[in-house]
Amino acid sequence: MTDRARWAEARGQMYRFLSAAFLEPPSERLVGPFLSGEFLKEMEATFGPAAVEDLSQFAREFQGDHEKLDQDFQGLFIVPLGRYVTPYEEVYSDERGVGDTRVRGLHMAP
């Protein structure tokens, strides 16, 4: 397998992971690999040290509180109470005129 093919495969795996991470609360199965030093070494070898810095910190500090992870997920992606993350590019990149004012962050606005 060529380097380009390996890189494409690694990117595909990362996209699959990210899609799973946004669709449902993090399960023990999803979080488990991040706690493995071997997994983090592989990630670092593929994507570089900057890519795994936050994951390594998570692995060092995680105390097995999956309920807290679920609450964080709910607060960010399900319940819009101030911390809500809108997973739509349009909200971040859209800008249009509303009356005499330029407004950013409208979702599905006319």
PDB file of N, CA and C in Angstrom:
ATOM      1  N   MET A   1       0.846  -1.169   0.000  1.00  0.00           N
ATOM      2  CA  MET A   1       0.000   0.000   0.000  1.00  0.00           C
ATOM      3  C   MET A   1       0.901   1.245   0.000  1.00  0.00           C
ATOM      4  N   THR A   2       0.586   2.209  -0.812  1.00  0.00           N
ATOM      5  CA  THR A   2       1.398   3.422  -0.909  1.00  0.00           C
ATOM      6  C   THR A   2       1.144   4.332   0.282  1.00  0.00           C
ATOM      7  N   ASP A   3       2.047   5.285   0.488  1.00  0.00           N
ATOM      8  CA  ASP A   3       1.852   6.263   1.561  1.00  0.00           C
ATOM      9  C   ASP A   3       0.562   7.042   1.360  1.00  0.00           C
ATOM     10  N   ARG A   4       0.293   7.380   0.117  1.00  0.00           N
ATOM     11  CA  ARG A   4      -0.928   8.143  -0.181  1.00  0.00           C
ATOM     12  C   ARG A   4      -2.174   7.320   0.174  1.00  0.00           C
ATOM     13  N   ALA A   5      -2.159   6.049  -0.122  1.00  0.00           N
ATOM     14  CA  ALA A   5      -3.296   5.175   0.191  1.00  0.00           C
ATOM     15  C   ALA A   5      -3.452   5.009   1.697  1.00  0.00           C
ATOM     16  N   ARG A   6      -2.330   4.865   2.410  1.00  0.00           N
ATOM     17  CA  ARG A   6      -2.392   4.761   3.879  1.00  0.00           C
ATOM     18  C   ARG A   6      -2.955   6.042   4.485  1.00  0.00           C
ATOM     19  N   TRP A   7      -2.507   7.167   3.962  1.00  0.00           N
ATOM     20  CA  TRP A   7      -2.991   8.458   4.461  1.00  0.00           C
ATOM     21  C   TRP A   7      -4.495   8.595   4.201  1.00  0.00           C
ATOM     22  N   ALA A   8      -4.944   8.207   3.031  1.00  0.00           N
ATOM     23  CA  ALA A   8      -6.368   8.273   2.694  1.00  0.00           C
ATOM     24  C   ALA A   8      -7.179   7.351   3.603  1.00  0.00           C
ATOM     25  N   GLU A   9      -6.659   6.162   3.863  1.00  0.00           N
ATOM     26  CA  GLU A   9      -7.342   5.226   4.767  1.00  0.00           C
ATOM     27  C   GLU A   9      -7.432   5.803   6.176  1.00  0.00           C
ATOM     28  N   ALA A  10      -6.355   6.389   6.664  1.00  0.00           N
ATOM     29  CA  ALA A  10      -6.351   6.994   7.996  1.00  0.00           C
ATOM     30  C   ALA A  10      -7.349   8.141   8.071  1.00  0.00           C
ATOM     31  N   ARG A  11      -7.393   8.957   7.045  1.00  0.00           N
ATOM     32  CA  ARG A  11      -8.356  10.064   7.015  1.00  0.00           C
ATOM     33  C   ARG A  11      -9.784   9.539   7.025  1.00  0.00           C
ATOM     34  N   GLY A  12     -10.038   8.481   6.241  1.00  0.00           N
ATOM     35  CA  GLY A  12     -11.371   7.888   6.207  1.00  0.00           C
ATOM     36  C   GLY A  12     -11.797   7.366   7.570  1.00  0.00           C
ATOM     37  N   GLN A  13     -10.874   6.710   8.265  1.00  0.00           N
ATOM     38  CA  GLN A  13     -11.163   6.214   9.611  1.00  0.00           C
ATOM     39  C   GLN A  13     -11.474   7.366  10.567  1.00  0.00           C
ATOM     40  N   MET A  14     -10.715   8.460  10.441  1.00  0.00           N
ATOM     41  CA  MET A  14     -10.944   9.615  11.302  1.00  0.00           C
ATOM     42  C   MET A  14     -12.318  10.226  11.022  1.00  0.00           C
ATOM     43  N   TYR A  15     -12.707  10.328   9.771  1.00  0.00           N
ATOM     44  CA  TYR A  15     -14.028  10.869   9.433  1.00  0.00           C
ATOM     45  C   TYR A  15     -15.141   9.977   9.976  1.00  0.00           C
ATOM     46  N   ARG A  16     -14.959   8.654   9.915  1.00  0.00           N
ATOM     47  CA  ARG A  16     -15.958   7.742  10.480  1.00  0.00           C
ATOM     48  C   ARG A  16     -16.074   7.947  11.983  1.00  0.00           C
ATOM     49  N   PHE A  17     -14.926   8.094  12.634  1.00  0.00           N
ATOM     50  CA  PHE A  17     -14.961   8.333  14.072  1.00  0.00           C
ATOM     51  C   PHE A  17     -15.684   9.639  14.394  1.00  0.00           C
ATOM     52  N   LEU A  18     -15.332  10.709  13.691  1.00  0.00           N
ATOM     53  CA  LEU A  18     -15.951  12.008  13.976  1.00  0.00           C
ATOM     54  C   LEU A  18     -17.453  11.984  13.732  1.00  0.00           C
ATOM     55  N   SER A  19     -17.887  11.294  12.689  1.00  0.00           N
ATOM     56  CA  SER A  19     -19.329  11.217  12.451  1.00  0.00           C
ATOM     57  C   SER A  19     -20.018  10.469  13.589  1.00  0.00           C
ATOM     58  N   ALA A  20     -19.399   9.404  14.089  1.00  0.00           N
ATOM     59  CA  ALA A  20     -19.969   8.673  15.222  1.00  0.00           C
ATOM     60  C   ALA A  20     -19.995   9.545  16.469  1.00  0.00           C
ATOM     61  N   ALA A  21     -18.958  10.340  16.666  1.00  0.00           N
ATOM     62  CA  ALA A  21     -18.864  11.188  17.860  1.00  0.00           C
ATOM     63  C   ALA A  21     -19.938  12.269  17.875  1.00  0.00           C
ATOM     64  N   PHE A  22     -20.375  12.724  16.708  1.00  0.00           N
ATOM     65  CA  PHE A  22     -21.408  13.756  16.651  1.00  0.00           C
ATOM     66  C   PHE A  22     -22.822  13.189  16.688  1.00  0.00           C
ATOM     67  N   LEU A  23     -22.985  11.907  16.385  1.00  0.00           N
ATOM     68  CA  LEU A  23     -24.323  11.342  16.278  1.00  0.00           C
ATOM     69  C   LEU A  23     -24.898  10.817  17.586  1.00  0.00           C
ATOM     70  N   GLU A  24     -24.034  10.373  18.488  1.00  0.00           N
ATOM     71  CA  GLU A  24     -24.549   9.796  19.731  1.00  0.00           C
ATOM     72  C   GLU A  24     -23.569  10.042  20.866  1.00  0.00           C
ATOM     73  N   PRO A  25     -24.072   9.995  22.098  1.00  0.00           N
ATOM     74  CA  PRO A  25     -23.173  10.214  23.242  1.00  0.00           C
ATOM     75  C   PRO A  25     -22.026   9.219  23.249  1.00  0.00           C
ATOM     76  N   PRO A  26     -20.873   9.629  23.754  1.00  0.00           N
ATOM     77  CA  PRO A  26     -19.707   8.741  23.755  1.00  0.00           C
ATOM     78  C   PRO A  26     -19.904   7.538  24.673  1.00  0.00           C
ATOM     79  N   SER A  27     -19.794   6.364  24.084  1.00  0.00           N
ATOM     80  CA  SER A  27     -19.923   5.128  24.850  1.00  0.00           C
ATOM     81  C   SER A  27     -18.542   4.701  25.339  1.00  0.00           C
ATOM     82  N   GLU A  28     -18.519   3.698  26.198  1.00  0.00           N
ATOM     83  CA  GLU A  28     -17.238   3.152  26.662  1.00  0.00           C
ATOM     84  C   GLU A  28     -16.456   2.597  25.477  1.00  0.00           C
ATOM     85  N   ARG A  29     -17.158   2.026  24.510  1.00  0.00           N
ATOM     86  CA  ARG A  29     -16.511   1.464  23.320  1.00  0.00           C
ATOM     87  C   ARG A  29     -15.846   2.562  22.483  1.00  0.00           C
ATOM     88  N   LEU A  30     -16.484   3.706  22.396  1.00  0.00           N
ATOM     89  CA  LEU A  30     -15.924   4.816  21.622  1.00  0.00           C
ATOM     90  C   LEU A  30     -14.739   5.454  22.340  1.00  0.00           C
ATOM     91  N   VAL A  31     -14.826   5.590  23.650  1.00  0.00           N
ATOM     92  CA  VAL A  31     -13.793   6.261  24.440  1.00  0.00           C
ATOM     93  C   VAL A  31     -12.596   5.342  24.705  1.00  0.00           C
ATOM     94  N   GLY A  32     -12.842   4.058  24.809  1.00  0.00           N
ATOM     95  CA  GLY A  32     -11.806   3.097  25.163  1.00  0.00           C
ATOM     96  C   GLY A  32     -10.486   3.230  24.418  1.00  0.00           C
ATOM     97  N   PRO A  33     -10.501   3.316  23.091  1.00  0.00           N
ATOM     98  CA  PRO A  33      -9.226   3.418  22.366  1.00  0.00           C
ATOM     99  C   PRO A  33      -8.382   4.633  22.758  1.00  0.00           C
ATOM    100  N   PHE A  34      -9.025   5.726  23.139  1.00  0.00           N
ATOM    101  CA  PHE A  34      -8.265   6.930  23.509  1.00  0.00           C
ATOM    102  C   PHE A  34      -7.502   6.753  24.810  1.00  0.00           C
ATOM    103  N   LEU A  35      -7.904   5.776  25.584  1.00  0.00           N
ATOM    104  CA  LEU A  35      -7.226   5.527  26.851  1.00  0.00           C
ATOM    105  C   LEU A  35      -6.029   4.605  26.664  1.00  0.00           C
ATOM    106  N   SER A  36      -5.905   4.038  25.474  1.00  0.00           N
ATOM    107  CA  SER A  36      -4.806   3.128  25.170  1.00  0.00           C
ATOM    108  C   SER A  36      -3.595   3.906  24.664  1.00  0.00           C
ATOM    109  N   GLY A  37      -2.468   3.714  25.327  1.00  0.00           N
ATOM    110  CA  GLY A  37      -1.237   4.371  24.896  1.00  0.00           C
ATOM    111  C   GLY A  37      -0.834   3.963  23.495  1.00  0.00           C
ATOM    112  N   GLU A  38      -1.104   2.716  23.130  1.00  0.00           N
ATOM    113  CA  GLU A  38      -0.748   2.227  21.791  1.00  0.00           C
ATOM    114  C   GLU A  38      -1.535   2.958  20.715  1.00  0.00           C
ATOM    115  N   PHE A  39      -2.819   3.159  20.956  1.00  0.00           N
ATOM    116  CA  PHE A  39      -3.666   3.873  20.003  1.00  0.00           C
ATOM    117  C   PHE A  39      -3.155   5.302  19.801  1.00  0.00           C
ATOM    118  N   LEU A  40      -2.812   5.964  20.905  1.00  0.00           N
ATOM    119  CA  LEU A  40      -2.320   7.342  20.815  1.00  0.00           C
ATOM    120  C   LEU A  40      -0.984   7.410  20.079  1.00  0.00           C
ATOM    121  N   LYS A  41      -0.139   6.395  20.254  1.00  0.00           N
ATOM    122  CA  LYS A  41       1.132   6.357  19.521  1.00  0.00           C
ATOM    123  C   LYS A  41       0.884   6.229  18.017  1.00  0.00           C
ATOM    124  N   GLU A  42      -0.065   5.370  17.654  1.00  0.00           N
ATOM    125  CA  GLU A  42      -0.406   5.214  16.236  1.00  0.00           C
ATOM    126  C   GLU A  42      -0.962   6.512  15.660  1.00  0.00           C
ATOM    127  N   MET A  43      -1.834   7.165  16.408  1.00  0.00           N
ATOM    128  CA  MET A  43      -2.398   8.441  15.961  1.00  0.00           C
ATOM    129  C   MET A  43      -1.295   9.475  15.778  1.00  0.00           C
ATOM    130  N   GLU A  44      -0.369   9.529  16.719  1.00  0.00           N
ATOM    131  CA  GLU A  44       0.725  10.500  16.642  1.00  0.00           C
ATOM    132  C   GLU A  44       1.620  10.214  15.436  1.00  0.00           C
ATOM    133  N   ALA A  45       1.893   8.938  15.182  1.00  0.00           N
ATOM    134  CA  ALA A  45       2.728   8.569  14.040  1.00  0.00           C
ATOM    135  C   ALA A  45       2.059   8.951  12.720  1.00  0.00           C
ATOM    136  N   THR A  46       0.747   8.853  12.677  1.00  0.00           N
ATOM    137  CA  THR A  46       0.017   9.154  11.444  1.00  0.00           C
ATOM    138  C   THR A  46      -0.229  10.641  11.257  1.00  0.00           C
ATOM    139  N   PHE A  47      -0.693  11.316  12.330  1.00  0.00           N
ATOM    140  CA  PHE A  47      -1.143  12.701  12.200  1.00  0.00           C
ATOM    141  C   PHE A  47      -0.221  13.731  12.842  1.00  0.00           C
ATOM    142  N   GLY A  48       0.776  13.275  13.593  1.00  0.00           N
ATOM    143  CA  GLY A  48       1.708  14.195  14.232  1.00  0.00           C
ATOM    144  C   GLY A  48       1.319  14.478  15.680  1.00  0.00           C
ATOM    145  N   PRO A  49       2.285  14.990  16.476  1.00  0.00           N
ATOM    146  CA  PRO A  49       2.042  15.190  17.907  1.00  0.00           C
ATOM    147  C   PRO A  49       0.957  16.211  18.222  1.00  0.00           C
ATOM    148  N   ALA A  50       0.823  17.243  17.413  1.00  0.00           N
ATOM    149  CA  ALA A  50      -0.192  18.264  17.693  1.00  0.00           C
ATOM    150  C   ALA A  50      -1.601  17.687  17.613  1.00  0.00           C
ATOM    151  N   ALA A  51      -1.795  16.685  16.748  1.00  0.00           N
ATOM    152  CA  ALA A  51      -3.116  16.092  16.564  1.00  0.00           C
ATOM    153  C   ALA A  51      -3.579  15.282  17.764  1.00  0.00           C
ATOM    154  N   VAL A  52      -2.659  14.778  18.567  1.00  0.00           N
ATOM    155  CA  VAL A  52      -3.047  13.936  19.701  1.00  0.00           C
ATOM    156  C   VAL A  52      -2.831  14.606  21.055  1.00  0.00           C
ATOM    157  N   GLU A  53      -2.417  15.836  21.048  1.00  0.00           N
ATOM    158  CA  GLU A  53      -2.146  16.536  22.308  1.00  0.00           C
ATOM    159  C   GLU A  53      -3.361  16.555  23.236  1.00  0.00           C
ATOM    160  N   ASP A  54      -4.522  16.961  22.718  1.00  0.00           N
ATOM    161  CA  ASP A  54      -5.726  17.013  23.547  1.00  0.00           C
ATOM    162  C   ASP A  54      -6.209  15.615  23.934  1.00  0.00           C
ATOM    163  N   LEU A  55      -6.072  14.666  23.013  1.00  0.00           N
ATOM    164  CA  LEU A  55      -6.477  13.293  23.333  1.00  0.00           C
ATOM    165  C   LEU A  55      -5.598  12.699  24.431  1.00  0.00           C
ATOM    166  N   SER A  56      -4.306  12.996  24.385  1.00  0.00           N
ATOM    167  CA  SER A  56      -3.396  12.508  25.423  1.00  0.00           C
ATOM    168  C   SER A  56      -3.754  13.105  26.780  1.00  0.00           C
ATOM    169  N   GLN A  57      -4.086  14.374  26.790  1.00  0.00           N
ATOM    170  CA  GLN A  57      -4.493  15.018  28.047  1.00  0.00           C
ATOM    171  C   GLN A  57      -5.781  14.378  28.566  1.00  0.00           C
ATOM    172  N   PHE A  58      -6.735  14.125  27.666  1.00  0.00           N
ATOM    173  CA  PHE A  58      -7.974  13.461  28.045  1.00  0.00           C
ATOM    174  C   PHE A  58      -7.676  12.100  28.672  1.00  0.00           C
ATOM    175  N   ALA A  59      -6.798  11.324  28.041  1.00  0.00           N
ATOM    176  CA  ALA A  59      -6.456   9.985  28.545  1.00  0.00           C
ATOM    177  C   ALA A  59      -5.825  10.062  29.931  1.00  0.00           C
ATOM    178  N   ARG A  60      -4.989  11.067  30.160  1.00  0.00           N
ATOM    179  CA  ARG A  60      -4.345  11.208  31.475  1.00  0.00           C
ATOM    180  C   ARG A  60      -5.336  11.605  32.559  1.00  0.00           C
ATOM    181  N   GLU A  61      -6.320  12.430  32.225  1.00  0.00           N
ATOM    182  CA  GLU A  61      -7.220  13.006  33.225  1.00  0.00           C
ATOM    183  C   GLU A  61      -8.547  12.271  33.394  1.00  0.00           C
ATOM    184  N   PHE A  62      -8.912  11.437  32.425  1.00  0.00           N
ATOM    185  CA  PHE A  62     -10.221  10.772  32.468  1.00  0.00           C
ATOM    186  C   PHE A  62     -10.289   9.812  33.654  1.00  0.00           C
ATOM    187  N   GLN A  63     -11.340   9.928  34.437  1.00  0.00           N
ATOM    188  CA  GLN A  63     -11.512   9.111  35.631  1.00  0.00           C
ATOM    189  C   GLN A  63     -12.602   8.044  35.470  1.00  0.00           C
ATOM    190  N   GLY A  64     -12.999   7.776  34.239  1.00  0.00           N
ATOM    191  CA  GLY A  64     -14.012   6.750  34.007  1.00  0.00           C
ATOM    192  C   GLY A  64     -15.434   7.230  34.206  1.00  0.00           C
ATOM    193  N   ASP A  65     -15.650   8.539  34.274  1.00  0.00           N
ATOM    194  CA  ASP A  65     -16.984   9.089  34.499  1.00  0.00           C
ATOM    195  C   ASP A  65     -17.717   9.254  33.165  1.00  0.00           C
ATOM    196  N   HIS A  66     -18.302   8.161  32.700  1.00  0.00           N
ATOM    197  CA  HIS A  66     -19.010   8.188  31.416  1.00  0.00           C
ATOM    198  C   HIS A  66     -20.300   8.982  31.514  1.00  0.00           C
ATOM    199  N   GLU A  67     -20.877   9.062  32.690  1.00  0.00           N
ATOM    200  CA  GLU A  67     -22.085   9.869  32.865  1.00  0.00           C
ATOM    201  C   GLU A  67     -21.781  11.348  32.611  1.00  0.00           C
ATOM    202  N   LYS A  68     -20.626  11.817  33.074  1.00  0.00           N
ATOM    203  CA  LYS A  68     -20.221  13.211  32.828  1.00  0.00           C
ATOM    204  C   LYS A  68     -20.013  13.448  31.337  1.00  0.00           C
ATOM    205  N   LEU A  69     -19.398  12.488  30.638  1.00  0.00           N
ATOM    206  CA  LEU A  69     -19.244  12.612  29.192  1.00  0.00           C
ATOM    207  C   LEU A  69     -20.603  12.714  28.505  1.00  0.00           C
ATOM    208  N   ASP A  70     -21.550  11.906  28.959  1.00  0.00           N
ATOM    209  CA  ASP A  70     -22.896  11.951  28.392  1.00  0.00           C
ATOM    210  C   ASP A  70     -23.533  13.315  28.637  1.00  0.00           C
ATOM    211  N   GLN A  71     -23.378  13.851  29.837  1.00  0.00           N
ATOM    212  CA  GLN A  71     -23.936  15.169  30.153  1.00  0.00           C
ATOM    213  C   GLN A  71     -23.302  16.254  29.288  1.00  0.00           C
ATOM    214  N   ASP A  72     -21.983  16.176  29.090  1.00  0.00           N
ATOM    215  CA  ASP A  72     -21.305  17.142  28.228  1.00  0.00           C
ATOM    216  C   ASP A  72     -21.823  17.051  26.797  1.00  0.00           C
ATOM    217  N   PHE A  73     -21.993  15.833  26.296  1.00  0.00           N
ATOM    218  CA  PHE A  73     -22.517  15.642  24.944  1.00  0.00           C
ATOM    219  C   PHE A  73     -23.913  16.243  24.830  1.00  0.00           C
ATOM    220  N   GLN A  74     -24.770  15.932  25.804  1.00  0.00           N
ATOM    221  CA  GLN A  74     -26.138  16.452  25.788  1.00  0.00           C
ATOM    222  C   GLN A  74     -26.135  17.980  25.797  1.00  0.00           C
ATOM    223  N   GLY A  75     -25.267  18.565  26.630  1.00  0.00           N
ATOM    224  CA  GLY A  75     -25.198  20.018  26.728  1.00  0.00           C
ATOM    225  C   GLY A  75     -24.686  20.681  25.462  1.00  0.00           C
ATOM    226  N   LEU A  76     -23.799  20.001  24.746  1.00  0.00           N
ATOM    227  CA  LEU A  76     -23.223  20.594  23.541  1.00  0.00           C
ATOM    228  C   LEU A  76     -24.065  20.363  22.285  1.00  0.00           C
ATOM    229  N   PHE A  77     -24.656  19.176  22.162  1.00  0.00           N
ATOM    230  CA  PHE A  77     -25.276  18.818  20.898  1.00  0.00           C
ATOM    231  C   PHE A  77     -26.784  18.594  20.934  1.00  0.00           C
ATOM    232  N   ILE A  78     -27.363  18.463  22.106  1.00  0.00           N
ATOM    233  CA  ILE A  78     -28.788  18.142  22.166  1.00  0.00           C
ATOM    234  C   ILE A  78     -29.605  19.276  22.769  1.00  0.00           C
ATOM    235  N   VAL A  79     -29.243  19.753  23.931  1.00  0.00           N
ATOM    236  CA  VAL A  79     -30.018  20.749  24.656  1.00  0.00           C
ATOM    237  C   VAL A  79     -29.431  22.140  24.432  1.00  0.00           C
ATOM    238  N   PRO A  80     -30.124  23.011  23.714  1.00  0.00           N
ATOM    239  CA  PRO A  80     -29.584  24.347  23.437  1.00  0.00           C
ATOM    240  C   PRO A  80     -29.727  25.298  24.636  1.00  0.00           C
ATOM    241  N   LEU A  81     -28.818  25.187  25.579  1.00  0.00           N
ATOM    242  CA  LEU A  81     -28.858  26.042  26.768  1.00  0.00           C
ATOM    243  C   LEU A  81     -27.601  26.904  26.880  1.00  0.00           C
ATOM    244  N   GLY A  82     -27.206  27.554  25.806  1.00  0.00           N
ATOM    245  CA  GLY A  82     -26.066  28.448  25.879  1.00  0.00           C
ATOM    246  C   GLY A  82     -24.766  27.847  25.388  1.00  0.00           C
ATOM    247  N   ARG A  83     -24.547  26.563  25.628  1.00  0.00           N
ATOM    248  CA  ARG A  83     -23.305  25.921  25.191  1.00  0.00           C
ATOM    249  C   ARG A  83     -23.498  25.172  23.888  1.00  0.00           C
ATOM    250  N   TYR A  84     -24.679  25.218  23.339  1.00  0.00           N
ATOM    251  CA  TYR A  84     -25.044  24.431  22.173  1.00  0.00           C
ATOM    252  C   TYR A  84     -24.119  24.697  20.989  1.00  0.00           C
ATOM    253  N   VAL A  85     -23.607  23.627  20.379  1.00  0.00           N
ATOM    254  CA  VAL A  85     -22.757  23.713  19.197  1.00  0.00           C
ATOM    255  C   VAL A  85     -23.618  23.385  17.988  1.00  0.00           C
ATOM    256  N   THR A  86     -23.717  24.307  17.063  1.00  0.00           N
ATOM    257  CA  THR A  86     -24.506  24.089  15.865  1.00  0.00           C
ATOM    258  C   THR A  86     -23.628  23.443  14.799  1.00  0.00           C
ATOM    259  N   PRO A  87     -23.907  22.201  14.437  1.00  0.00           N
ATOM    260  CA  PRO A  87     -23.038  21.491  13.494  1.00  0.00           C
ATOM    261  C   PRO A  87     -23.346  21.787  12.019  1.00  0.00           C
ATOM    262  N   TYR A  88     -23.534  23.047  11.702  1.00  0.00           N
ATOM    263  CA  TYR A  88     -23.810  23.442  10.331  1.00  0.00           C
ATOM    264  C   TYR A  88     -22.843  24.540   9.920  1.00  0.00           C
ATOM    265  N   GLU A  89     -22.144  24.352   8.815  1.00  0.00           N
ATOM    266  CA  GLU A  89     -21.181  25.349   8.343  1.00  0.00           C
ATOM    267  C   GLU A  89     -21.866  26.684   8.083  1.00  0.00           C
ATOM    268  N   GLU A  90     -23.084  26.631   7.612  1.00  0.00           N
ATOM    269  CA  GLU A  90     -23.810  27.849   7.264  1.00  0.00           C
ATOM    270  C   GLU A  90     -23.869  28.829   8.438  1.00  0.00           C
ATOM    271  N   VAL A  91     -24.009  28.313   9.642  1.00  0.00           N
ATOM    272  CA  VAL A  91     -24.099  29.168  10.812  1.00  0.00           C
ATOM    273  C   VAL A  91     -22.801  29.946  11.022  1.00  0.00           C
ATOM    274  N   TYR A  92     -21.683  29.337  10.676  1.00  0.00           N
ATOM    275  CA  TYR A  92     -20.392  29.973  10.894  1.00  0.00           C
ATOM    276  C   TYR A  92     -19.925  30.815   9.719  1.00  0.00           C
ATOM    277  N   SER A  93     -20.287  30.442   8.495  1.00  0.00           N
ATOM    278  CA  SER A  93     -19.728  31.128   7.341  1.00  0.00           C
ATOM    279  C   SER A  93     -20.711  32.042   6.627  1.00  0.00           C
ATOM    280  N   ASP A  94     -21.989  31.934   6.919  1.00  0.00           N
ATOM    281  CA  ASP A  94     -22.984  32.741   6.236  1.00  0.00           C
ATOM    282  C   ASP A  94     -22.965  34.180   6.739  1.00  0.00           C
ATOM    283  N   GLU A  95     -23.128  35.091   5.818  1.00  0.00           N
ATOM    284  CA  GLU A  95     -23.276  36.502   6.177  1.00  0.00           C
ATOM    285  C   GLU A  95     -24.194  37.126   5.146  1.00  0.00           C
ATOM    286  N   ARG A  96     -25.190  37.857   5.611  1.00  0.00           N
ATOM    287  CA  ARG A  96     -26.126  38.493   4.685  1.00  0.00           C
ATOM    288  C   ARG A  96     -26.717  39.740   5.296  1.00  0.00           C
ATOM    289  N   GLY A  97     -27.311  40.519   4.462  1.00  0.00           N
ATOM    290  CA  GLY A  97     -27.919  41.756   4.929  1.00  0.00           C
ATOM    291  C   GLY A  97     -29.319  41.524   5.454  1.00  0.00           C
ATOM    292  N   VAL A  98     -29.586  42.076   6.618  1.00  0.00           N
ATOM    293  CA  VAL A  98     -30.925  42.070   7.198  1.00  0.00           C
ATOM    294  C   VAL A  98     -31.230  43.531   7.494  1.00  0.00           C
ATOM    295  N   GLY A  99     -32.069  44.106   6.659  1.00  0.00           N
ATOM    296  CA  GLY A  99     -32.304  45.541   6.767  1.00  0.00           C
ATOM    297  C   GLY A  99     -31.025  46.274   6.383  1.00  0.00           C
ATOM    298  N   ASP A 100     -30.578  47.155   7.245  1.00  0.00           N
ATOM    299  CA  ASP A 100     -29.350  47.910   6.998  1.00  0.00           C
ATOM    300  C   ASP A 100     -28.137  47.294   7.684  1.00  0.00           C
ATOM    301  N   THR A 101     -28.269  46.118   8.248  1.00  0.00           N
ATOM    302  CA  THR A 101     -27.206  45.502   9.030  1.00  0.00           C
ATOM    303  C   THR A 101     -26.724  44.208   8.380  1.00  0.00           C
ATOM    304  N   ARG A 102     -25.413  43.959   8.431  1.00  0.00           N
ATOM    305  CA  ARG A 102     -24.850  42.697   8.002  1.00  0.00           C
ATOM    306  C   ARG A 102     -24.908  41.738   9.187  1.00  0.00           C
ATOM    307  N   VAL A 103     -25.499  40.565   8.985  1.00  0.00           N
ATOM    308  CA  VAL A 103     -25.688  39.600  10.068  1.00  0.00           C
ATOM    309  C   VAL A 103     -24.980  38.301   9.712  1.00  0.00           C
ATOM    310  N   ARG A 104     -24.288  37.728  10.695  1.00  0.00           N
ATOM    311  CA  ARG A 104     -23.608  36.436  10.522  1.00  0.00           C
ATOM    312  C   ARG A 104     -24.337  35.394  11.346  1.00  0.00           C
ATOM    313  N   GLY A 105     -24.199  34.144  10.914  1.00  0.00           N
ATOM    314  CA  GLY A 105     -24.669  33.017  11.725  1.00  0.00           C
ATOM    315  C   GLY A 105     -26.124  32.670  11.587  1.00  0.00           C
ATOM    316  N   LEU A 106     -26.755  33.067  10.505  1.00  0.00           N
ATOM    317  CA  LEU A 106     -28.161  32.688  10.312  1.00  0.00           C
ATOM    318  C   LEU A 106     -28.230  31.299   9.708  1.00  0.00           C
ATOM    319  N   HIS A 107     -29.090  30.476  10.213  1.00  0.00           N
ATOM    320  CA  HIS A 107     -29.262  29.122   9.691  1.00  0.00           C
ATOM    321  C   HIS A 107     -30.559  29.048   8.898  1.00  0.00           C
ATOM    322  N   MET A 108     -30.439  28.623   7.655  1.00  0.00           N
ATOM    323  CA  MET A 108     -31.604  28.471   6.765  1.00  0.00           C
ATOM    324  C   MET A 108     -32.428  29.749   6.683  1.00  0.00           C
ATOM    325  N   ALA A 109     -31.758  30.866   6.700  1.00  0.00           N
ATOM    326  CA  ALA A 109     -32.464  32.140   6.601  1.00  0.00           C
ATOM    327  C   ALA A 109     -32.773  32.452   5.144  1.00  0.00           C
ATOM    328  N   PRO A 110     -33.855  33.190   4.892  1.00  0.00           N
ATOM    329  CA  PRO A 110     -34.202  33.503   3.510  1.00  0.00           C
ATOM    330  C   PRO A 110     -33.214  34.476   2.893  1.00  0.00           C
TER     331      PRO A 110
END
